[in-house]
Amino acid sequence: MKFYGKFPTDGVSGGRPRYLATPLSETDLRNYIRLLERHGIAFNYLLNGACFGNREWTRPAEKGDGPAGQVGEMGVRRVTVSRHFCWNWSNAVFPNSK
């Protein structure tokens, strides 16, 4: 079983409008990921937006810097990407992901 989601303020598009996302604090998301992990359920982080406003070509994005980088430290082990640039970038942000 997998759960899909994303942090609404990570600065990366996730395929749906941010105003529809559940408002979460970093602590809430970290605790949720840990709870799922204790029950053997993977949390799959979404980087599947259609448009990234050309931010994917900036130096900070290439290095994995920015708000989404903090999510990699929360225990995310699976990532869904929509664009080829996201694959390399997600490896920088989520080095232990599948």
N, C-alpha and C. Protein backbone atom coordinates (compact mmCIF):
# COMPACT_ATOMS: atom_id res chain seq x y z
N MET A 1 0.84 -1.16 0.00
CA MET A 1 0.00 0.00 0.00
C MET A 1 0.90 1.24 0.00
N LYS A 2 0.46 2.25 -0.74
CA LYS A 2 1.21 3.51 -0.81
C LYS A 2 0.25 4.68 -0.58
N PHE A 3 0.79 5.72 0.00
CA PHE A 3 0.08 6.98 0.13
C PHE A 3 0.84 8.03 -0.67
N TYR A 4 0.11 8.82 -1.42
CA TYR A 4 0.71 9.86 -2.24
C TYR A 4 0.39 11.23 -1.66
N GLY A 5 1.32 12.15 -1.79
CA GLY A 5 1.07 13.50 -1.34
C GLY A 5 2.28 14.37 -1.51
N LYS A 6 2.15 15.59 -1.03
CA LYS A 6 3.26 16.54 -1.10
C LYS A 6 3.05 17.63 -0.07
N PHE A 7 4.10 18.34 0.18
CA PHE A 7 4.06 19.48 1.09
C PHE A 7 3.56 20.67 0.29
N PRO A 8 2.47 21.31 0.68
CA PRO A 8 1.87 22.35 -0.15
C PRO A 8 2.73 23.58 -0.38
N THR A 9 3.72 23.81 0.45
CA THR A 9 4.54 25.02 0.29
C THR A 9 5.99 24.71 -0.03
N ASP A 10 6.24 23.60 -0.73
CA ASP A 10 7.62 23.22 -1.03
C ASP A 10 8.20 23.95 -2.24
N GLY A 11 7.38 24.72 -2.95
CA GLY A 11 7.88 25.48 -4.09
C GLY A 11 7.93 24.69 -5.38
N VAL A 12 7.44 23.46 -5.36
CA VAL A 12 7.45 22.61 -6.55
C VAL A 12 6.01 22.22 -6.87
N SER A 13 5.65 22.30 -8.14
CA SER A 13 4.31 21.95 -8.55
C SER A 13 4.03 20.47 -8.31
N GLY A 14 2.79 20.16 -7.99
CA GLY A 14 2.45 18.79 -7.68
C GLY A 14 1.27 18.25 -8.46
N GLY A 15 0.85 18.92 -9.51
CA GLY A 15 -0.20 18.40 -10.34
C GLY A 15 -1.60 18.86 -9.95
N ARG A 16 -1.75 19.57 -8.85
CA ARG A 16 -3.05 20.12 -8.48
C ARG A 16 -2.84 21.48 -7.83
N PRO A 17 -3.84 22.32 -7.85
CA PRO A 17 -3.69 23.67 -7.28
C PRO A 17 -3.33 23.63 -5.80
N ARG A 18 -2.46 24.51 -5.38
CA ARG A 18 -2.02 24.55 -3.98
C ARG A 18 -3.15 24.88 -3.03
N TYR A 19 -4.13 25.65 -3.50
CA TYR A 19 -5.22 26.02 -2.59
C TYR A 19 -6.10 24.82 -2.24
N LEU A 20 -5.98 23.71 -2.98
CA LEU A 20 -6.72 22.49 -2.66
C LEU A 20 -5.96 21.58 -1.70
N ALA A 21 -4.71 21.88 -1.48
CA ALA A 21 -3.87 21.02 -0.62
C ALA A 21 -4.22 21.23 0.84
N THR A 22 -4.03 20.18 1.60
CA THR A 22 -4.24 20.25 3.05
C THR A 22 -3.10 21.05 3.66
N PRO A 23 -3.41 22.09 4.42
CA PRO A 23 -2.33 22.86 5.04
C PRO A 23 -1.65 22.03 6.13
N LEU A 24 -0.36 21.86 6.00
CA LEU A 24 0.43 21.06 6.95
C LEU A 24 1.66 21.83 7.38
N SER A 25 2.07 21.59 8.59
CA SER A 25 3.37 22.09 9.02
C SER A 25 4.40 21.02 8.69
N GLU A 26 5.67 21.38 8.73
CA GLU A 26 6.72 20.39 8.49
C GLU A 26 6.65 19.27 9.52
N THR A 27 6.36 19.63 10.75
CA THR A 27 6.25 18.64 11.82
C THR A 27 5.11 17.67 11.55
N ASP A 28 3.96 18.19 11.09
CA ASP A 28 2.82 17.34 10.77
C ASP A 28 3.18 16.31 9.69
N LEU A 29 3.81 16.79 8.62
CA LEU A 29 4.17 15.88 7.53
C LEU A 29 5.19 14.85 8.00
N ARG A 30 6.19 15.27 8.74
CA ARG A 30 7.21 14.34 9.26
C ARG A 30 6.55 13.27 10.13
N ASN A 31 5.65 13.67 11.01
CA ASN A 31 4.97 12.72 11.88
C ASN A 31 4.09 11.76 11.08
N TYR A 32 3.44 12.26 10.05
CA TYR A 32 2.59 11.43 9.21
C TYR A 32 3.42 10.38 8.47
N ILE A 33 4.55 10.80 7.92
CA ILE A 33 5.42 9.87 7.21
C ILE A 33 5.92 8.79 8.17
N ARG A 34 6.30 9.15 9.38
CA ARG A 34 6.76 8.18 10.38
C ARG A 34 5.65 7.22 10.78
N LEU A 35 4.44 7.73 10.94
CA LEU A 35 3.31 6.88 11.29
C LEU A 35 3.06 5.83 10.21
N LEU A 36 3.05 6.27 8.95
CA LEU A 36 2.87 5.32 7.85
C LEU A 36 3.99 4.29 7.83
N GLU A 37 5.22 4.75 8.04
CA GLU A 37 6.37 3.85 8.03
C GLU A 37 6.26 2.77 9.11
N ARG A 38 5.79 3.14 10.29
CA ARG A 38 5.62 2.17 11.38
C ARG A 38 4.62 1.08 11.02
N HIS A 39 3.70 1.40 10.12
CA HIS A 39 2.69 0.43 9.68
C HIS A 39 3.07 -0.24 8.36
N GLY A 40 4.30 -0.03 7.92
CA GLY A 40 4.78 -0.66 6.70
C GLY A 40 4.21 -0.07 5.43
N ILE A 41 3.78 1.17 5.48
CA ILE A 41 3.19 1.84 4.33
C ILE A 41 4.14 2.91 3.82
N ALA A 42 4.38 2.89 2.52
CA ALA A 42 5.29 3.87 1.92
C ALA A 42 4.57 5.17 1.61
N PHE A 43 5.22 6.28 1.87
CA PHE A 43 4.72 7.59 1.48
C PHE A 43 5.44 7.99 0.21
N ASN A 44 4.69 8.26 -0.84
CA ASN A 44 5.23 8.58 -2.15
C ASN A 44 5.08 10.08 -2.37
N TYR A 45 6.21 10.79 -2.44
CA TYR A 45 6.19 12.24 -2.61
C TYR A 45 6.01 12.60 -4.07
N LEU A 46 5.14 13.57 -4.36
CA LEU A 46 4.81 13.95 -5.73
C LEU A 46 5.60 15.16 -6.21
N LEU A 47 6.29 14.97 -7.32
CA LEU A 47 6.94 16.06 -8.07
C LEU A 47 6.42 15.92 -9.50
N ASN A 48 5.12 15.99 -9.66
CA ASN A 48 4.53 15.64 -10.95
C ASN A 48 3.76 16.77 -11.61
N GLY A 49 4.21 17.96 -11.43
CA GLY A 49 3.55 19.10 -12.06
C GLY A 49 3.83 19.17 -13.55
N ALA A 50 2.95 19.83 -14.28
CA ALA A 50 3.13 19.99 -15.71
C ALA A 50 4.01 21.20 -16.04
N CYS A 51 4.04 22.17 -15.15
CA CYS A 51 4.79 23.40 -15.41
C CYS A 51 5.55 23.81 -14.16
N PHE A 52 6.80 24.09 -14.31
CA PHE A 52 7.63 24.51 -13.19
C PHE A 52 8.14 25.93 -13.37
N GLY A 53 7.58 26.67 -14.32
CA GLY A 53 7.93 28.07 -14.52
C GLY A 53 9.40 28.28 -14.84
N ASN A 54 10.02 27.34 -15.51
CA ASN A 54 11.44 27.38 -15.88
C ASN A 54 12.38 27.38 -14.68
N ARG A 55 11.86 27.15 -13.49
CA ARG A 55 12.73 27.07 -12.31
C ARG A 55 13.64 25.85 -12.35
N GLU A 56 13.23 24.84 -13.13
CA GLU A 56 14.05 23.64 -13.22
C GLU A 56 15.41 23.89 -13.85
N TRP A 57 15.57 25.01 -14.54
CA TRP A 57 16.83 25.30 -15.22
C TRP A 57 17.73 26.22 -14.40
N THR A 58 17.34 26.58 -13.21
CA THR A 58 18.16 27.45 -12.38
C THR A 58 19.20 26.65 -11.62
N ARG A 59 20.27 27.30 -11.22
CA ARG A 59 21.33 26.62 -10.47
C ARG A 59 20.84 26.04 -9.14
N PRO A 60 20.05 26.79 -8.36
CA PRO A 60 19.57 26.19 -7.10
C PRO A 60 18.78 24.90 -7.33
N ALA A 61 17.94 24.88 -8.38
CA ALA A 61 17.15 23.67 -8.64
C ALA A 61 18.05 22.52 -9.06
N GLU A 62 19.07 22.79 -9.85
CA GLU A 62 19.99 21.74 -10.28
C GLU A 62 20.72 21.12 -9.11
N LYS A 63 20.98 21.92 -8.07
CA LYS A 63 21.69 21.41 -6.90
C LYS A 63 20.75 20.81 -5.87
N GLY A 64 19.45 20.96 -6.08
CA GLY A 64 18.49 20.44 -5.11
C GLY A 64 18.24 21.37 -3.96
N ASP A 65 18.67 22.64 -4.11
CA ASP A 65 18.44 23.62 -3.05
C ASP A 65 17.00 24.11 -3.11
N GLY A 66 16.51 24.60 -2.03
CA GLY A 66 15.18 25.18 -1.98
C GLY A 66 14.30 24.46 -0.98
N PRO A 67 13.06 24.90 -0.88
CA PRO A 67 12.16 24.35 0.13
C PRO A 67 11.94 22.85 0.01
N ALA A 68 11.90 22.30 -1.19
CA ALA A 68 11.66 20.86 -1.34
C ALA A 68 12.82 20.04 -0.79
N GLY A 69 14.00 20.62 -0.73
CA GLY A 69 15.15 19.92 -0.17
C GLY A 69 14.94 19.52 1.28
N GLN A 70 14.18 20.31 2.02
CA GLN A 70 13.91 20.00 3.42
C GLN A 70 13.04 18.76 3.54
N VAL A 71 12.20 18.49 2.56
CA VAL A 71 11.32 17.33 2.61
C VAL A 71 12.11 16.04 2.53
N GLY A 72 13.24 16.07 1.84
CA GLY A 72 14.08 14.88 1.75
C GLY A 72 14.60 14.42 3.10
N GLU A 73 14.67 15.33 4.05
CA GLU A 73 15.14 15.00 5.39
C GLU A 73 14.03 14.47 6.28
N MET A 74 12.81 14.39 5.77
CA MET A 74 11.66 13.97 6.58
C MET A 74 11.38 12.47 6.51
N GLY A 75 12.16 11.73 5.75
CA GLY A 75 11.96 10.29 5.67
C GLY A 75 11.28 9.81 4.40
N VAL A 76 11.14 10.68 3.41
CA VAL A 76 10.53 10.27 2.15
C VAL A 76 11.45 9.26 1.47
N ARG A 77 10.88 8.12 1.05
CA ARG A 77 11.66 7.06 0.41
C ARG A 77 11.21 6.76 -1.02
N ARG A 78 10.08 7.31 -1.43
CA ARG A 78 9.57 7.10 -2.79
C ARG A 78 9.14 8.44 -3.38
N VAL A 79 9.42 8.61 -4.67
CA VAL A 79 9.12 9.88 -5.34
C VAL A 79 8.52 9.58 -6.71
N THR A 80 7.46 10.29 -7.07
CA THR A 80 6.87 10.21 -8.41
C THR A 80 7.20 11.50 -9.13
N VAL A 81 7.79 11.38 -10.32
CA VAL A 81 8.17 12.56 -11.10
C VAL A 81 7.45 12.55 -12.44
N SER A 82 7.27 13.75 -13.01
CA SER A 82 6.57 13.86 -14.28
C SER A 82 7.48 14.27 -15.43
N ARG A 83 8.61 14.84 -15.11
CA ARG A 83 9.49 15.37 -16.16
C ARG A 83 10.89 14.82 -15.95
N HIS A 84 11.63 14.67 -17.02
CA HIS A 84 12.96 14.06 -16.96
C HIS A 84 13.90 14.82 -16.03
N PHE A 85 13.80 16.15 -16.00
CA PHE A 85 14.71 16.89 -15.13
C PHE A 85 14.46 16.55 -13.67
N CYS A 86 13.22 16.19 -13.36
CA CYS A 86 12.87 15.87 -11.97
C CYS A 86 13.61 14.63 -11.47
N TRP A 87 13.93 13.71 -12.37
CA TRP A 87 14.59 12.48 -11.95
C TRP A 87 15.95 12.78 -11.33
N ASN A 88 16.79 13.51 -12.04
CA ASN A 88 18.11 13.86 -11.49
C ASN A 88 17.99 14.73 -10.26
N TRP A 89 17.06 15.68 -10.31
CA TRP A 89 16.87 16.59 -9.19
C TRP A 89 16.37 15.82 -7.97
N SER A 90 15.45 14.89 -8.17
CA SER A 90 14.92 14.13 -7.03
C SER A 90 16.00 13.28 -6.39
N ASN A 91 16.95 12.79 -7.19
CA ASN A 91 18.07 12.02 -6.59
C ASN A 91 18.92 12.89 -5.70
N ALA A 92 19.03 14.18 -6.03
CA ALA A 92 19.79 15.08 -5.18
C ALA A 92 19.04 15.40 -3.88
N VAL A 93 17.72 15.59 -4.01
CA VAL A 93 16.89 15.96 -2.86
C VAL A 93 16.55 14.75 -1.99
N PHE A 94 16.28 13.61 -2.63
CA PHE A 94 15.86 12.39 -1.93
C PHE A 94 16.85 11.27 -2.27
N PRO A 95 18.04 11.30 -1.72
CA PRO A 95 19.07 10.34 -2.13
C PRO A 95 18.74 8.88 -1.79
N ASN A 96 17.86 8.63 -0.86
CA ASN A 96 17.52 7.25 -0.47
C ASN A 96 16.20 6.79 -1.06
N SER A 97 15.70 7.49 -2.06
CA SER A 97 14.37 7.17 -2.61
C SER A 97 14.45 6.12 -3.71
N LYS A 98 13.27 5.57 -4.01
CA LYS A 98 13.12 4.60 -5.11
C LYS A 98 12.36 5.27 -6.23
